[in-house]
Amino acid sequence: MVIDSFYLDKFEVTNKQYHEFCKAVNHGLPIFWGLTEFRCGEEFPDYPVIGVSYSDAEAYAQWAGKRLPTEAEWEYAARGGLINHNYPRGDHIDQKRIITELGRFCGGI
């Protein structure tokens, strides 16, 4: 598959940025807004916004003059630009980089 060049923001959309969008277009706030245990809301302006649906993210992107990446673009970016490899860092898992042994338990959890 050939992917044309594309831009992807370097940082996540923050609570502050998303709140500005919501105020500007009278859009509803995310479901977790204001819950400090999730660090969501005006008290945490520089944290990534959470609890946003795909259609909400699409509306924000359009308002910001951007678009959401396609599935192929997202996959390419998530793999760090590597093509035809099993993992983002190549074809083999580096045992020293494993954070948790997820998948080695009954039911994969």
PDB file of N, CA and C in Angstrom:
ATOM      1  N   MET A   1       0.843  -1.177   0.000  1.00  0.00           N
ATOM      2  CA  MET A   1       0.000   0.000   0.000  1.00  0.00           C
ATOM      3  C   MET A   1       0.887   1.239   0.000  1.00  0.00           C
ATOM      4  N   VAL A   2       0.546   2.183  -0.819  1.00  0.00           N
ATOM      5  CA  VAL A   2       1.284   3.438  -0.905  1.00  0.00           C
ATOM      6  C   VAL A   2       0.529   4.498  -0.110  1.00  0.00           C
ATOM      7  N   ILE A   3       1.267   5.195   0.736  1.00  0.00           N
ATOM      8  CA  ILE A   3       0.670   6.261   1.541  1.00  0.00           C
ATOM      9  C   ILE A   3       1.318   7.573   1.127  1.00  0.00           C
ATOM     10  N   ASP A   4       0.499   8.529   0.753  1.00  0.00           N
ATOM     11  CA  ASP A   4       1.019   9.857   0.441  1.00  0.00           C
ATOM     12  C   ASP A   4       1.524  10.504   1.718  1.00  0.00           C
ATOM     13  N   SER A   5       2.358  11.518   1.572  1.00  0.00           N
ATOM     14  CA  SER A   5       2.858  12.211   2.753  1.00  0.00           C
ATOM     15  C   SER A   5       1.687  12.846   3.506  1.00  0.00           C
ATOM     16  N   PHE A   6       1.835  12.938   4.812  1.00  0.00           N
ATOM     17  CA  PHE A   6       0.779  13.502   5.651  1.00  0.00           C
ATOM     18  C   PHE A   6       1.401  14.104   6.902  1.00  0.00           C
ATOM     19  N   TYR A   7       0.647  14.957   7.548  1.00  0.00           N
ATOM     20  CA  TYR A   7       1.068  15.559   8.808  1.00  0.00           C
ATOM     21  C   TYR A   7       0.311  14.899   9.945  1.00  0.00           C
ATOM     22  N   LEU A   8       1.000  14.742  11.065  1.00  0.00           N
ATOM     23  CA  LEU A   8       0.387  14.221  12.278  1.00  0.00           C
ATOM     24  C   LEU A   8       0.888  15.101  13.410  1.00  0.00           C
ATOM     25  N   ASP A   9      -0.012  15.615  14.230  1.00  0.00           N
ATOM     26  CA  ASP A   9       0.423  16.472  15.330  1.00  0.00           C
ATOM     27  C   ASP A   9       1.430  15.744  16.207  1.00  0.00           C
ATOM     28  N   LYS A  10       2.383  16.488  16.713  1.00  0.00           N
ATOM     29  CA  LYS A  10       3.420  15.910  17.569  1.00  0.00           C
ATOM     30  C   LYS A  10       2.879  15.601  18.964  1.00  0.00           C
ATOM     31  N   PHE A  11       1.908  16.376  19.418  1.00  0.00           N
ATOM     32  CA  PHE A  11       1.358  16.202  20.762  1.00  0.00           C
ATOM     33  C   PHE A  11      -0.147  15.969  20.701  1.00  0.00           C
ATOM     34  N   GLU A  12      -0.662  15.352  21.733  1.00  0.00           N
ATOM     35  CA  GLU A  12      -2.095  15.100  21.836  1.00  0.00           C
ATOM     36  C   GLU A  12      -2.852  16.420  21.990  1.00  0.00           C
ATOM     37  N   VAL A  13      -4.123  16.405  21.674  1.00  0.00           N
ATOM     38  CA  VAL A  13      -4.988  17.564  21.904  1.00  0.00           C
ATOM     39  C   VAL A  13      -5.180  17.693  23.410  1.00  0.00           C
ATOM     40  N   THR A  14      -4.965  18.878  23.935  1.00  0.00           N
ATOM     41  CA  THR A  14      -5.070  19.088  25.380  1.00  0.00           C
ATOM     42  C   THR A  14      -6.501  19.438  25.795  1.00  0.00           C
ATOM     43  N   ASN A  15      -6.740  19.347  27.102  1.00  0.00           N
ATOM     44  CA  ASN A  15      -8.033  19.757  27.650  1.00  0.00           C
ATOM     45  C   ASN A  15      -8.332  21.210  27.277  1.00  0.00           C
ATOM     46  N   LYS A  16      -7.312  22.065  27.374  1.00  0.00           N
ATOM     47  CA  LYS A  16      -7.501  23.480  27.058  1.00  0.00           C
ATOM     48  C   LYS A  16      -7.906  23.672  25.593  1.00  0.00           C
ATOM     49  N   GLN A  17      -7.215  23.003  24.680  1.00  0.00           N
ATOM     50  CA  GLN A  17      -7.530  23.135  23.258  1.00  0.00           C
ATOM     51  C   GLN A  17      -8.945  22.642  22.964  1.00  0.00           C
ATOM     52  N   TYR A  18      -9.291  21.503  23.546  1.00  0.00           N
ATOM     53  CA  TYR A  18     -10.610  20.938  23.284  1.00  0.00           C
ATOM     54  C   TYR A  18     -11.710  21.808  23.891  1.00  0.00           C
ATOM     55  N   HIS A  19     -11.440  22.375  25.068  1.00  0.00           N
ATOM     56  CA  HIS A  19     -12.411  23.252  25.716  1.00  0.00           C
ATOM     57  C   HIS A  19     -12.652  24.505  24.869  1.00  0.00           C
ATOM     58  N   GLU A  20     -11.588  25.038  24.265  1.00  0.00           N
ATOM     59  CA  GLU A  20     -11.735  26.202  23.380  1.00  0.00           C
ATOM     60  C   GLU A  20     -12.655  25.865  22.206  1.00  0.00           C
ATOM     61  N   PHE A  21     -12.483  24.679  21.647  1.00  0.00           N
ATOM     62  CA  PHE A  21     -13.351  24.212  20.560  1.00  0.00           C
ATOM     63  C   PHE A  21     -14.796  24.118  21.035  1.00  0.00           C
ATOM     64  N   CYS A  22     -15.013  23.500  22.190  1.00  0.00           N
ATOM     65  CA  CYS A  22     -16.376  23.313  22.710  1.00  0.00           C
ATOM     66  C   CYS A  22     -17.080  24.646  22.920  1.00  0.00           C
ATOM     67  N   LYS A  23     -16.353  25.619  23.470  1.00  0.00           N
ATOM     68  CA  LYS A  23     -16.940  26.941  23.681  1.00  0.00           C
ATOM     69  C   LYS A  23     -17.227  27.642  22.355  1.00  0.00           C
ATOM     70  N   ALA A  24     -16.316  27.514  21.400  1.00  0.00           N
ATOM     71  CA  ALA A  24     -16.447  28.218  20.119  1.00  0.00           C
ATOM     72  C   ALA A  24     -17.640  27.744  19.301  1.00  0.00           C
ATOM     73  N   VAL A  25     -17.946  26.451  19.367  1.00  0.00           N
ATOM     74  CA  VAL A  25     -19.030  25.912  18.524  1.00  0.00           C
ATOM     75  C   VAL A  25     -20.200  25.377  19.344  1.00  0.00           C
ATOM     76  N   ASN A  26     -20.185  25.668  20.655  1.00  0.00           N
ATOM     77  CA  ASN A  26     -21.247  25.205  21.550  1.00  0.00           C
ATOM     78  C   ASN A  26     -21.407  23.680  21.500  1.00  0.00           C
ATOM     79  N   HIS A  27     -20.279  22.998  21.595  1.00  0.00           N
ATOM     80  CA  HIS A  27     -20.226  21.530  21.564  1.00  0.00           C
ATOM     81  C   HIS A  27     -20.207  21.012  23.000  1.00  0.00           C
ATOM     82  N   GLY A  28     -20.833  19.895  23.252  1.00  0.00           N
ATOM     83  CA  GLY A  28     -20.849  19.311  24.592  1.00  0.00           C
ATOM     84  C   GLY A  28     -19.468  18.871  25.051  1.00  0.00           C
ATOM     85  N   LEU A  29     -19.239  18.958  26.355  1.00  0.00           N
ATOM     86  CA  LEU A  29     -17.954  18.548  26.929  1.00  0.00           C
ATOM     87  C   LEU A  29     -17.884  17.026  27.052  1.00  0.00           C
ATOM     88  N   PRO A  30     -16.662  16.472  27.098  1.00  0.00           N
ATOM     89  CA  PRO A  30     -16.515  15.018  27.241  1.00  0.00           C
ATOM     90  C   PRO A  30     -17.147  14.504  28.529  1.00  0.00           C
ATOM     91  N   ILE A  31     -17.491  13.241  28.526  1.00  0.00           N
ATOM     92  CA  ILE A  31     -18.185  12.610  29.648  1.00  0.00           C
ATOM     93  C   ILE A  31     -17.400  12.698  30.959  1.00  0.00           C
ATOM     94  N   PHE A  32     -16.066  12.671  30.894  1.00  0.00           N
ATOM     95  CA  PHE A  32     -15.246  12.687  32.111  1.00  0.00           C
ATOM     96  C   PHE A  32     -14.853  14.090  32.549  1.00  0.00           C
ATOM     97  N   TRP A  33     -15.352  15.116  31.867  1.00  0.00           N
ATOM     98  CA  TRP A  33     -14.943  16.493  32.135  1.00  0.00           C
ATOM     99  C   TRP A  33     -15.175  16.858  33.593  1.00  0.00           C
ATOM    100  N   GLY A  34     -14.136  17.366  34.232  1.00  0.00           N
ATOM    101  CA  GLY A  34     -14.234  17.815  35.611  1.00  0.00           C
ATOM    102  C   GLY A  34     -13.925  16.751  36.651  1.00  0.00           C
ATOM    103  N   LEU A  35     -13.738  15.510  36.245  1.00  0.00           N
ATOM    104  CA  LEU A  35     -13.410  14.441  37.194  1.00  0.00           C
ATOM    105  C   LEU A  35     -11.903  14.433  37.419  1.00  0.00           C
ATOM    106  N   THR A  36     -11.484  14.876  38.606  1.00  0.00           N
ATOM    107  CA  THR A  36     -10.054  15.021  38.869  1.00  0.00           C
ATOM    108  C   THR A  36      -9.309  13.691  38.842  1.00  0.00           C
ATOM    109  N   GLU A  37      -9.989  12.574  39.160  1.00  0.00           N
ATOM    110  CA  GLU A  37      -9.284  11.288  39.134  1.00  0.00           C
ATOM    111  C   GLU A  37      -8.848  10.909  37.720  1.00  0.00           C
ATOM    112  N   PHE A  38      -9.485  11.507  36.714  1.00  0.00           N
ATOM    113  CA  PHE A  38      -9.101  11.250  35.322  1.00  0.00           C
ATOM    114  C   PHE A  38      -8.265  12.398  34.749  1.00  0.00           C
ATOM    115  N   ARG A  39      -7.988  13.423  35.581  1.00  0.00           N
ATOM    116  CA  ARG A  39      -7.224  14.594  35.146  1.00  0.00           C
ATOM    117  C   ARG A  39      -7.817  15.201  33.870  1.00  0.00           C
ATOM    118  N   CYS A  40      -9.104  15.393  33.943  1.00  0.00           N
ATOM    119  CA  CYS A  40      -9.832  15.909  32.790  1.00  0.00           C
ATOM    120  C   CYS A  40     -10.582  17.171  33.191  1.00  0.00           C
ATOM    121  N   GLY A  41     -10.387  18.221  32.451  1.00  0.00           N
ATOM    122  CA  GLY A  41     -11.114  19.450  32.722  1.00  0.00           C
ATOM    123  C   GLY A  41     -10.198  20.650  32.811  1.00  0.00           C
ATOM    124  N   GLU A  42     -10.782  21.776  33.187  1.00  0.00           N
ATOM    125  CA  GLU A  42     -10.042  23.035  33.234  1.00  0.00           C
ATOM    126  C   GLU A  42      -8.900  23.029  34.245  1.00  0.00           C
ATOM    127  N   GLU A  43      -9.002  22.185  35.275  1.00  0.00           N
ATOM    128  CA  GLU A  43      -7.944  22.118  36.284  1.00  0.00           C
ATOM    129  C   GLU A  43      -6.666  21.495  35.727  1.00  0.00           C
ATOM    130  N   PHE A  44      -6.766  20.833  34.599  1.00  0.00           N
ATOM    131  CA  PHE A  44      -5.629  20.145  33.987  1.00  0.00           C
ATOM    132  C   PHE A  44      -5.504  20.567  32.515  1.00  0.00           C
ATOM    133  N   PRO A  45      -5.212  21.843  32.267  1.00  0.00           N
ATOM    134  CA  PRO A  45      -5.245  22.360  30.894  1.00  0.00           C
ATOM    135  C   PRO A  45      -4.256  21.704  29.935  1.00  0.00           C
ATOM    136  N   ASP A  46      -3.124  21.248  30.438  1.00  0.00           N
ATOM    137  CA  ASP A  46      -2.090  20.708  29.553  1.00  0.00           C
ATOM    138  C   ASP A  46      -2.117  19.193  29.419  1.00  0.00           C
ATOM    139  N   TYR A  47      -3.090  18.546  30.045  1.00  0.00           N
ATOM    140  CA  TYR A  47      -3.229  17.090  29.929  1.00  0.00           C
ATOM    141  C   TYR A  47      -4.008  16.754  28.657  1.00  0.00           C
ATOM    142  N   PRO A  48      -3.762  15.565  28.095  1.00  0.00           N
ATOM    143  CA  PRO A  48      -4.529  15.165  26.907  1.00  0.00           C
ATOM    144  C   PRO A  48      -6.007  15.006  27.234  1.00  0.00           C
ATOM    145  N   VAL A  49      -6.864  15.440  26.341  1.00  0.00           N
ATOM    146  CA  VAL A  49      -8.303  15.281  26.530  1.00  0.00           C
ATOM    147  C   VAL A  49      -8.651  13.801  26.388  1.00  0.00           C
ATOM    148  N   ILE A  50      -9.615  13.325  27.184  1.00  0.00           N
ATOM    149  CA  ILE A  50     -10.060  11.930  27.107  1.00  0.00           C
ATOM    150  C   ILE A  50     -11.581  11.894  27.033  1.00  0.00           C
ATOM    151  N   GLY A  51     -12.123  10.734  26.725  1.00  0.00           N
ATOM    152  CA  GLY A  51     -13.573  10.578  26.691  1.00  0.00           C
ATOM    153  C   GLY A  51     -14.211  11.209  25.469  1.00  0.00           C
ATOM    154  N   VAL A  52     -13.440  11.326  24.393  1.00  0.00           N
ATOM    155  CA  VAL A  52     -13.922  11.950  23.165  1.00  0.00           C
ATOM    156  C   VAL A  52     -14.249  10.852  22.155  1.00  0.00           C
ATOM    157  N   SER A  53     -15.427  10.896  21.583  1.00  0.00           N
ATOM    158  CA  SER A  53     -15.820   9.900  20.582  1.00  0.00           C
ATOM    159  C   SER A  53     -15.131  10.198  19.247  1.00  0.00           C
ATOM    160  N   TYR A  54     -15.231   9.250  18.335  1.00  0.00           N
ATOM    161  CA  TYR A  54     -14.650   9.447  17.000  1.00  0.00           C
ATOM    162  C   TYR A  54     -15.278  10.660  16.317  1.00  0.00           C
ATOM    163  N   SER A  55     -16.590  10.778  16.410  1.00  0.00           N
ATOM    164  CA  SER A  55     -17.253  11.916  15.752  1.00  0.00           C
ATOM    165  C   SER A  55     -16.874  13.239  16.422  1.00  0.00           C
ATOM    166  N   ASP A  56     -16.664  13.226  17.745  1.00  0.00           N
ATOM    167  CA  ASP A  56     -16.199  14.435  18.437  1.00  0.00           C
ATOM    168  C   ASP A  56     -14.791  14.805  17.971  1.00  0.00           C
ATOM    169  N   ALA A  57     -13.924  13.802  17.853  1.00  0.00           N
ATOM    170  CA  ALA A  57     -12.552  14.042  17.396  1.00  0.00           C
ATOM    171  C   ALA A  57     -12.550  14.574  15.966  1.00  0.00           C
ATOM    172  N   GLU A  58     -13.429  14.026  15.149  1.00  0.00           N
ATOM    173  CA  GLU A  58     -13.554  14.475  13.761  1.00  0.00           C
ATOM    174  C   GLU A  58     -14.021  15.934  13.709  1.00  0.00           C
ATOM    175  N   ALA A  59     -14.986  16.286  14.549  1.00  0.00           N
ATOM    176  CA  ALA A  59     -15.496  17.663  14.602  1.00  0.00           C
ATOM    177  C   ALA A  59     -14.401  18.621  15.064  1.00  0.00           C
ATOM    178  N   TYR A  60     -13.624  18.202  16.083  1.00  0.00           N
ATOM    179  CA  TYR A  60     -12.525  19.040  16.563  1.00  0.00           C
ATOM    180  C   TYR A  60     -11.494  19.251  15.455  1.00  0.00           C
ATOM    181  N   ALA A  61     -11.115  18.168  14.790  1.00  0.00           N
ATOM    182  CA  ALA A  61     -10.105  18.258  13.734  1.00  0.00           C
ATOM    183  C   ALA A  61     -10.552  19.209  12.628  1.00  0.00           C
ATOM    184  N   GLN A  62     -11.807  19.101  12.232  1.00  0.00           N
ATOM    185  CA  GLN A  62     -12.333  19.979  11.181  1.00  0.00           C
ATOM    186  C   GLN A  62     -12.302  21.433  11.644  1.00  0.00           C
ATOM    187  N   TRP A  63     -12.704  21.674  12.890  1.00  0.00           N
ATOM    188  CA  TRP A  63     -12.689  23.027  13.453  1.00  0.00           C
ATOM    189  C   TRP A  63     -11.266  23.588  13.473  1.00  0.00           C
ATOM    190  N   ALA A  64     -10.294  22.723  13.762  1.00  0.00           N
ATOM    191  CA  ALA A  64      -8.894  23.142  13.852  1.00  0.00           C
ATOM    192  C   ALA A  64      -8.218  23.213  12.478  1.00  0.00           C
ATOM    193  N   GLY A  65      -8.980  22.925  11.407  1.00  0.00           N
ATOM    194  CA  GLY A  65      -8.417  22.977  10.065  1.00  0.00           C
ATOM    195  C   GLY A  65      -7.567  21.767   9.729  1.00  0.00           C
ATOM    196  N   LYS A  66      -7.877  20.646  10.385  1.00  0.00           N
ATOM    197  CA  LYS A  66      -7.108  19.417  10.190  1.00  0.00           C
ATOM    198  C   LYS A  66      -8.071  18.288   9.857  1.00  0.00           C
ATOM    199  N   ARG A  67      -7.558  17.064   9.854  1.00  0.00           N
ATOM    200  CA  ARG A  67      -8.386  15.880   9.679  1.00  0.00           C
ATOM    201  C   ARG A  67      -7.767  14.751  10.483  1.00  0.00           C
ATOM    202  N   LEU A  68      -8.561  13.753  10.776  1.00  0.00           N
ATOM    203  CA  LEU A  68      -8.029  12.581  11.455  1.00  0.00           C
ATOM    204  C   LEU A  68      -7.251  11.743  10.446  1.00  0.00           C
ATOM    205  N   PRO A  69      -6.213  11.036  10.912  1.00  0.00           N
ATOM    206  CA  PRO A  69      -5.471  10.185   9.980  1.00  0.00           C
ATOM    207  C   PRO A  69      -6.315   8.997   9.543  1.00  0.00           C
ATOM    208  N   THR A  70      -6.026   8.499   8.355  1.00  0.00           N
ATOM    209  CA  THR A  70      -6.681   7.272   7.904  1.00  0.00           C
ATOM    210  C   THR A  70      -6.115   6.107   8.710  1.00  0.00           C
ATOM    211  N   GLU A  71      -6.748   4.955   8.602  1.00  0.00           N
ATOM    212  CA  GLU A  71      -6.236   3.776   9.305  1.00  0.00           C
ATOM    213  C   GLU A  71      -4.807   3.456   8.858  1.00  0.00           C
ATOM    214  N   ALA A  72      -4.544   3.548   7.572  1.00  0.00           N
ATOM    215  CA  ALA A  72      -3.206   3.256   7.051  1.00  0.00           C
ATOM    216  C   ALA A  72      -2.179   4.270   7.563  1.00  0.00           C
ATOM    217  N   GLU A  73      -2.548   5.541   7.620  1.00  0.00           N
ATOM    218  CA  GLU A  73      -1.639   6.566   8.137  1.00  0.00           C
ATOM    219  C   GLU A  73      -1.353   6.339   9.613  1.00  0.00           C
ATOM    220  N   TRP A  74      -2.396   6.004  10.371  1.00  0.00           N
ATOM    221  CA  TRP A  74      -2.230   5.754  11.801  1.00  0.00           C
ATOM    222  C   TRP A  74      -1.304   4.561  12.029  1.00  0.00           C
ATOM    223  N   GLU A  75      -1.508   3.499  11.274  1.00  0.00           N
ATOM    224  CA  GLU A  75      -0.667   2.303  11.384  1.00  0.00           C
ATOM    225  C   GLU A  75       0.785   2.632  11.047  1.00  0.00           C
ATOM    226  N   TYR A  76       0.989   3.386   9.992  1.00  0.00           N
ATOM    227  CA  TYR A  76       2.339   3.785   9.585  1.00  0.00           C
ATOM    228  C   TYR A  76       3.007   4.601  10.693  1.00  0.00           C
ATOM    229  N   ALA A  77       2.289   5.572  11.238  1.00  0.00           N
ATOM    230  CA  ALA A  77       2.840   6.413  12.300  1.00  0.00           C
ATOM    231  C   ALA A  77       3.115   5.599  13.561  1.00  0.00           C
ATOM    232  N   ALA A  78       2.202   4.697  13.914  1.00  0.00           N
ATOM    233  CA  ALA A  78       2.369   3.881  15.122  1.00  0.00           C
ATOM    234  C   ALA A  78       3.574   2.957  15.009  1.00  0.00           C
ATOM    235  N   ARG A  79       3.890   2.546  13.806  1.00  0.00           N
ATOM    236  CA  ARG A  79       5.046   1.675  13.581  1.00  0.00           C
ATOM    237  C   ARG A  79       6.342   2.475  13.437  1.00  0.00           C
ATOM    238  N   GLY A  80       6.272   3.763  13.608  1.00  0.00           N
ATOM    239  CA  GLY A  80       7.468   4.586  13.523  1.00  0.00           C
ATOM    240  C   GLY A  80       8.047   4.662  12.124  1.00  0.00           C
ATOM    241  N   GLY A  81       7.210   4.475  11.117  1.00  0.00           N
ATOM    242  CA  GLY A  81       7.676   4.548   9.739  1.00  0.00           C
ATOM    243  C   GLY A  81       8.237   3.249   9.195  1.00  0.00           C
ATOM    244  N   LEU A  82       8.341   2.220  10.036  1.00  0.00           N
ATOM    245  CA  LEU A  82       8.834   0.921   9.563  1.00  0.00           C
ATOM    246  C   LEU A  82       7.744   0.207   8.777  1.00  0.00           C
ATOM    247  N   ILE A  83       8.112  -0.377   7.679  1.00  0.00           N
ATOM    248  CA  ILE A  83       7.159  -1.101   6.846  1.00  0.00           C
ATOM    249  C   ILE A  83       7.555  -2.574   6.828  1.00  0.00           C
ATOM    250  N   ASN A  84       6.568  -3.450   6.779  1.00  0.00           N
ATOM    251  CA  ASN A  84       6.792  -4.897   6.682  1.00  0.00           C
ATOM    252  C   ASN A  84       7.552  -5.477   7.869  1.00  0.00           C
ATOM    253  N   HIS A  85       7.285  -4.964   9.052  1.00  0.00           N
ATOM    254  CA  HIS A  85       7.861  -5.523  10.273  1.00  0.00           C
ATOM    255  C   HIS A  85       6.724  -5.905  11.210  1.00  0.00           C
ATOM    256  N   ASN A  86       7.007  -6.856  12.090  1.00  0.00           N
ATOM    257  CA  ASN A  86       5.988  -7.333  13.021  1.00  0.00           C
ATOM    258  C   ASN A  86       5.717  -6.357  14.158  1.00  0.00           C
ATOM    259  N   TYR A  87       6.726  -5.606  14.559  1.00  0.00           N
ATOM    260  CA  TYR A  87       6.616  -4.719  15.715  1.00  0.00           C
ATOM    261  C   TYR A  87       7.199  -3.351  15.363  1.00  0.00           C
ATOM    262  N   PRO A  88       6.878  -2.317  16.143  1.00  0.00           N
ATOM    263  CA  PRO A  88       7.395  -0.980  15.848  1.00  0.00           C
ATOM    264  C   PRO A  88       8.920  -0.885  15.828  1.00  0.00           C
ATOM    265  N   ARG A  89       9.600  -1.812  16.505  1.00  0.00           N
ATOM    266  CA  ARG A  89      11.064  -1.757  16.546  1.00  0.00           C
ATOM    267  C   ARG A  89      11.721  -2.843  15.699  1.00  0.00           C
ATOM    268  N   GLY A  90      10.965  -3.511  14.853  1.00  0.00           N
ATOM    269  CA  GLY A  90      11.542  -4.557  14.005  1.00  0.00           C
ATOM    270  C   GLY A  90      10.727  -5.833  14.048  1.00  0.00           C
ATOM    271  N   ASP A  91      11.393  -6.964  13.824  1.00  0.00           N
ATOM    272  CA  ASP A  91      10.688  -8.246  13.756  1.00  0.00           C
ATOM    273  C   ASP A  91      10.756  -9.074  15.030  1.00  0.00           C
ATOM    274  N   HIS A  92      11.570  -8.664  15.978  1.00  0.00           N
ATOM    275  CA  HIS A  92      11.744  -9.457  17.193  1.00  0.00           C
ATOM    276  C   HIS A  92      11.451  -8.611  18.427  1.00  0.00           C
ATOM    277  N   ILE A  93      10.904  -9.250  19.434  1.00  0.00           N
ATOM    278  CA  ILE A  93      10.612  -8.562  20.692  1.00  0.00           C
ATOM    279  C   ILE A  93      11.872  -8.531  21.542  1.00  0.00           C
ATOM    280  N   ASP A  94      12.237  -7.355  22.024  1.00  0.00           N
ATOM    281  CA  ASP A  94      13.356  -7.206  22.944  1.00  0.00           C
ATOM    282  C   ASP A  94      12.811  -7.462  24.347  1.00  0.00           C
ATOM    283  N   GLN A  95      13.184  -8.583  24.943  1.00  0.00           N
ATOM    284  CA  GLN A  95      12.662  -8.984  26.250  1.00  0.00           C
ATOM    285  C   GLN A  95      12.897  -7.921  27.325  1.00  0.00           C
ATOM    286  N   LYS A  96      13.911  -7.102  27.171  1.00  0.00           N
ATOM    287  CA  LYS A  96      14.214  -6.057  28.158  1.00  0.00           C
ATOM    288  C   LYS A  96      13.213  -4.907  28.103  1.00  0.00           C
ATOM    289  N   ARG A  97      12.455  -4.819  27.023  1.00  0.00           N
ATOM    290  CA  ARG A  97      11.499  -3.724  26.856  1.00  0.00           C
ATOM    291  C   ARG A  97      10.071  -4.108  27.235  1.00  0.00           C
ATOM    292  N   ILE A  98       9.852  -5.346  27.640  1.00  0.00           N
ATOM    293  CA  ILE A  98       8.505  -5.793  27.996  1.00  0.00           C
ATOM    294  C   ILE A  98       8.116  -5.193  29.343  1.00  0.00           C
ATOM    295  N   ILE A  99       6.997  -4.502  29.364  1.00  0.00           N
ATOM    296  CA  ILE A  99       6.511  -3.881  30.591  1.00  0.00           C
ATOM    297  C   ILE A  99       5.657  -4.869  31.374  1.00  0.00           C
ATOM    298  N   THR A 100       4.801  -5.583  30.685  1.00  0.00           N
ATOM    299  CA  THR A 100       3.948  -6.584  31.315  1.00  0.00           C
ATOM    300  C   THR A 100       3.810  -7.765  30.368  1.00  0.00           C
ATOM    301  N   GLU A 101       3.620  -8.921  30.919  1.00  0.00           N
ATOM    302  CA  GLU A 101       3.512 -10.129  30.108  1.00  0.00           C
ATOM    303  C   GLU A 101       2.072 -10.374  29.695  1.00  0.00           C
ATOM    304  N   LEU A 102       1.418  -9.352  29.220  1.00  0.00           N
ATOM    305  CA  LEU A 102       0.046  -9.461  28.759  1.00  0.00           C
ATOM    306  C   LEU A 102      -0.044 -10.486  27.639  1.00  0.00           C
ATOM    307  N   GLY A 103      -1.021 -11.350  27.727  1.00  0.00           N
ATOM    308  CA  GLY A 103      -1.185 -12.375  26.708  1.00  0.00           C
ATOM    309  C   GLY A 103      -0.689 -13.734  27.156  1.00  0.00           C
ATOM    310  N   ARG A 104       0.039 -13.782  28.257  1.00  0.00           N
ATOM    311  CA  ARG A 104       0.525 -15.062  28.766  1.00  0.00           C
ATOM    312  C   ARG A 104      -0.409 -15.642  29.823  1.00  0.00           C
ATOM    313  N   PHE A 105      -1.555 -15.027  29.987  1.00  0.00           N
ATOM    314  CA  PHE A 105      -2.503 -15.464  30.999  1.00  0.00           C
ATOM    315  C   PHE A 105      -3.737 -16.050  30.337  1.00  0.00           C
ATOM    316  N   CYS A 106      -4.537 -16.758  31.104  1.00  0.00           N
ATOM    317  CA  CYS A 106      -5.783 -17.319  30.572  1.00  0.00           C
ATOM    318  C   CYS A 106      -6.633 -16.197  29.984  1.00  0.00           C
ATOM    319  N   GLY A 107      -7.122 -16.380  28.817  1.00  0.00           N
ATOM    320  CA  GLY A 107      -7.968 -15.371  28.182  1.00  0.00           C
ATOM    321  C   GLY A 107      -7.198 -14.175  27.662  1.00  0.00           C
ATOM    322  N   GLY A 108      -5.875 -14.235  27.693  1.00  0.00           N
ATOM    323  CA  GLY A 108      -5.068 -13.129  27.178  1.00  0.00           C
ATOM    324  C   GLY A 108      -4.969 -11.941  28.106  1.00  0.00           C
ATOM    325  N   ILE A 109      -5.476 -12.075  29.328  1.00  0.00           N
ATOM    326  CA  ILE A 109      -5.422 -10.945  30.269  1.00  0.00           C
ATOM    327  C   ILE A 109      -4.743 -11.374  31.542  1.00  0.00           C
TER     328      ILE A 109
END
